[in-house]
Protein backbone atom coordinates (compact mmCIF):
# COMPACT_ATOMS: atom_id res chain seq x y z
CA MET A 1 0.00 0.00 0.00
CA THR A 2 1.26 3.47 -0.85
CA ILE A 3 0.10 6.95 0.12
CA ASP A 4 -0.91 9.41 -2.60
CA TRP A 5 1.07 12.33 -1.19
CA ASN A 6 -0.49 14.78 -3.67
CA HIS A 7 -3.91 14.20 -2.13
CA PHE A 8 -2.85 13.62 1.50
CA THR A 9 -4.68 16.27 3.55
CA PRO A 10 -4.13 15.68 7.27
CA TRP A 11 -4.72 19.30 8.34
CA ALA A 12 -7.90 19.75 6.33
CA SER A 13 -9.13 16.39 7.60
CA LEU A 14 -8.31 17.31 11.20
CA GLY A 15 -10.09 20.65 10.77
CA GLY A 16 -13.15 18.93 9.34
CA GLY A 17 -13.19 16.44 12.20
CA ILE A 18 -12.96 19.23 14.74
CA LEU A 19 -15.86 21.07 13.09
CA ILE A 20 -17.98 17.90 13.09
CA GLY A 21 -17.18 17.34 16.77
CA ILE A 22 -18.04 20.91 17.71
CA ALA A 23 -21.31 20.78 15.76
CA ALA A 24 -22.30 17.46 17.35
CA ALA A 25 -21.43 18.76 20.82
CA LEU A 26 -23.42 21.97 20.29
CA LEU A 27 -26.47 20.06 19.05
CA VAL A 28 -26.50 17.82 22.12
CA LEU A 29 -25.72 20.64 24.55
CA LEU A 30 -28.14 23.23 23.14
CA ASN A 31 -30.89 21.01 21.80
CA GLY A 32 -30.48 17.71 23.64
CA ARG A 33 -30.35 15.85 20.32
CA ILE A 34 -27.83 13.40 18.91
CA ALA A 35 -26.39 14.38 15.51
CA GLY A 36 -27.34 11.14 13.77
CA VAL A 37 -28.14 12.07 10.18
CA SER A 38 -30.38 9.06 9.47
CA GLY A 39 -32.45 9.76 12.58
CA ILE A 40 -32.72 13.46 11.79
CA LEU A 41 -33.79 12.76 8.21
CA GLY A 42 -36.13 9.97 9.35
CA GLY A 43 -37.78 12.42 11.73
CA LEU A 44 -38.71 14.56 8.73
CA LEU A 45 -40.43 11.63 7.06
CA ALA A 46 -42.71 11.20 10.09
CA PRO A 47 -42.77 14.76 11.46
CA ARG A 48 -43.84 15.66 14.99
CA ARG A 49 -44.85 19.10 16.18
CA GLY A 50 -41.85 21.18 17.26
CA GLU A 51 -39.37 18.84 15.59
CA ILE A 52 -39.40 20.07 12.01
CA GLY A 53 -37.49 23.38 12.17
CA TRP A 54 -34.23 22.20 13.70
CA ARG A 55 -34.23 19.07 11.50
CA LEU A 56 -34.67 21.16 8.34
CA ALA A 57 -31.92 23.54 9.48
CA PHE A 58 -29.56 20.60 10.08
CA ILE A 59 -30.24 19.06 6.64
CA ALA A 60 -29.97 22.50 5.00
CA GLY A 61 -26.55 22.91 6.61
CA LEU A 62 -25.45 19.55 5.22
CA LEU A 63 -26.50 20.64 1.74
CA ALA A 64 -25.15 24.20 2.04
CA ALA A 65 -21.64 23.23 3.15
CA PRO A 66 -20.47 21.72 -0.16
CA LEU A 67 -22.13 24.58 -2.05
CA ALA A 68 -20.23 27.10 0.06
CA MET A 69 -17.02 25.16 -0.53
CA ALA A 70 -17.62 25.30 -4.28
CA LEU A 71 -18.18 29.06 -4.16
CA LEU A 72 -15.31 29.90 -1.79
CA GLY A 73 -12.57 27.51 -2.76
CA GLU A 74 -11.29 24.86 -5.03
CA THR A 75 -13.50 21.80 -5.16
CA PRO A 76 -11.79 18.43 -5.05
CA LEU A 77 -11.95 16.16 -8.06
CA ARG A 78 -14.72 13.64 -7.49
CA ARG A 79 -14.34 10.16 -8.90
CA ILE A 80 -16.80 7.35 -8.29
CA ASP A 81 -15.79 3.95 -9.60
CA ALA A 82 -19.33 2.58 -9.76
CA GLY A 83 -22.34 2.78 -12.01
CA PHE A 84 -25.69 4.35 -11.14
CA GLY A 85 -27.31 0.96 -10.40
CA THR A 86 -24.54 0.04 -7.97
CA LEU A 87 -24.93 3.36 -6.18
CA VAL A 88 -28.69 2.89 -5.86
CA VAL A 89 -28.28 -0.63 -4.44
CA ALA A 90 -25.54 0.58 -2.07
CA GLY A 91 -27.73 3.45 -0.87
CA LEU A 92 -30.66 1.12 -0.21
CA LEU A 93 -28.39 -1.27 1.70
CA VAL A 94 -27.03 1.58 3.82
CA GLY A 95 -30.59 2.73 4.52
CA ALA A 96 -31.61 -0.77 5.58
CA GLY A 97 -28.48 -1.05 7.72
CA THR A 98 -29.21 2.19 9.55
CA SER A 99 -32.69 0.91 10.28
CA TYR A 100 -31.50 -2.45 11.60
CA GLY A 101 -28.59 -0.86 13.50
CA SER A 102 -30.75 1.87 15.04
CA GLY A 103 -28.49 4.58 13.68
CA CYS A 104 -25.82 5.54 11.20
CA THR A 105 -22.12 6.32 11.17
CA SER A 106 -22.67 9.84 12.46
CA GLY A 107 -24.97 8.80 15.29
CA HIS A 108 -23.02 5.75 16.41
CA GLY A 109 -19.52 6.55 15.15
CA VAL A 110 -19.27 10.22 16.12
CA CYS A 111 -21.79 10.76 18.90
CA GLY A 112 -22.12 7.27 20.38
CA ILE A 113 -18.42 6.52 20.70
CA SER A 114 -17.78 9.92 22.27
CA ARG A 115 -20.39 9.02 24.92
CA LEU A 116 -18.75 5.56 25.36
CA SER A 117 -22.00 3.84 24.45
CA PRO A 118 -21.48 0.05 24.28
CA ARG A 119 -24.20 -0.24 21.61
CA ALA A 120 -22.48 2.43 19.50
CA LEU A 121 -19.09 0.76 19.90
CA ALA A 122 -20.56 -2.56 18.72
CA ALA A 123 -22.42 -0.91 15.82
CA THR A 124 -19.34 1.04 14.70
CA ALA A 125 -17.19 -2.09 14.83
CA ALA A 126 -19.83 -3.96 12.82
CA PHE A 127 -20.14 -1.42 10.03
CA MET A 128 -16.39 -0.88 9.82
CA LEU A 129 -15.77 -4.63 9.55
CA ALA A 130 -18.57 -4.96 6.98
CA GLY A 131 -17.04 -2.13 4.92
CA ILE A 132 -13.56 -3.65 5.09
CA ALA A 133 -14.89 -7.08 4.11
CA THR A 134 -16.90 -5.61 1.22
CA VAL A 135 -13.95 -3.67 -0.21
CA PHE A 136 -11.66 -6.68 0.17
CA ALA A 137 -14.16 -8.98 -1.54
CA LEU A 138 -14.87 -6.58 -4.42
CA ARG A 139 -11.26 -5.57 -5.04
CA HIS A 140 -9.35 -8.77 -4.32
CA VAL A 141 -11.68 -11.78 -4.46
CA LEU A 142 -14.14 -10.87 -7.23
CA ALA A 143 -11.81 -8.62 -9.26
């Protein structure tokens, strides 16, 4: 394995991680809510009174951030080595997984691990191992 030093961005990655951590901490401290994207989006599909505004603001922020990046700076080259059908199937599998796992990578991986939740630790380990196994199978076994 080699590192692509032209695209190695430890400081930008650290900065992004810090911003995600601050945003997750502020949401739980100020609103008492966990920053789990699948749960926030799911709450918009079955809205309850008093829950819509902050959820819409959160999703709007997720959509506005890459737009702001495109306007203010150089956008990274995006390359996806999969067809549209593969992306649709992958998205549906991720959606099913977040339902079965009672959360997603942001809820379990960012917020749950920081709270030392045993359920989040188990869920994060499971989806990381599943991702590693999938990449290994697709790139080395089935290739």
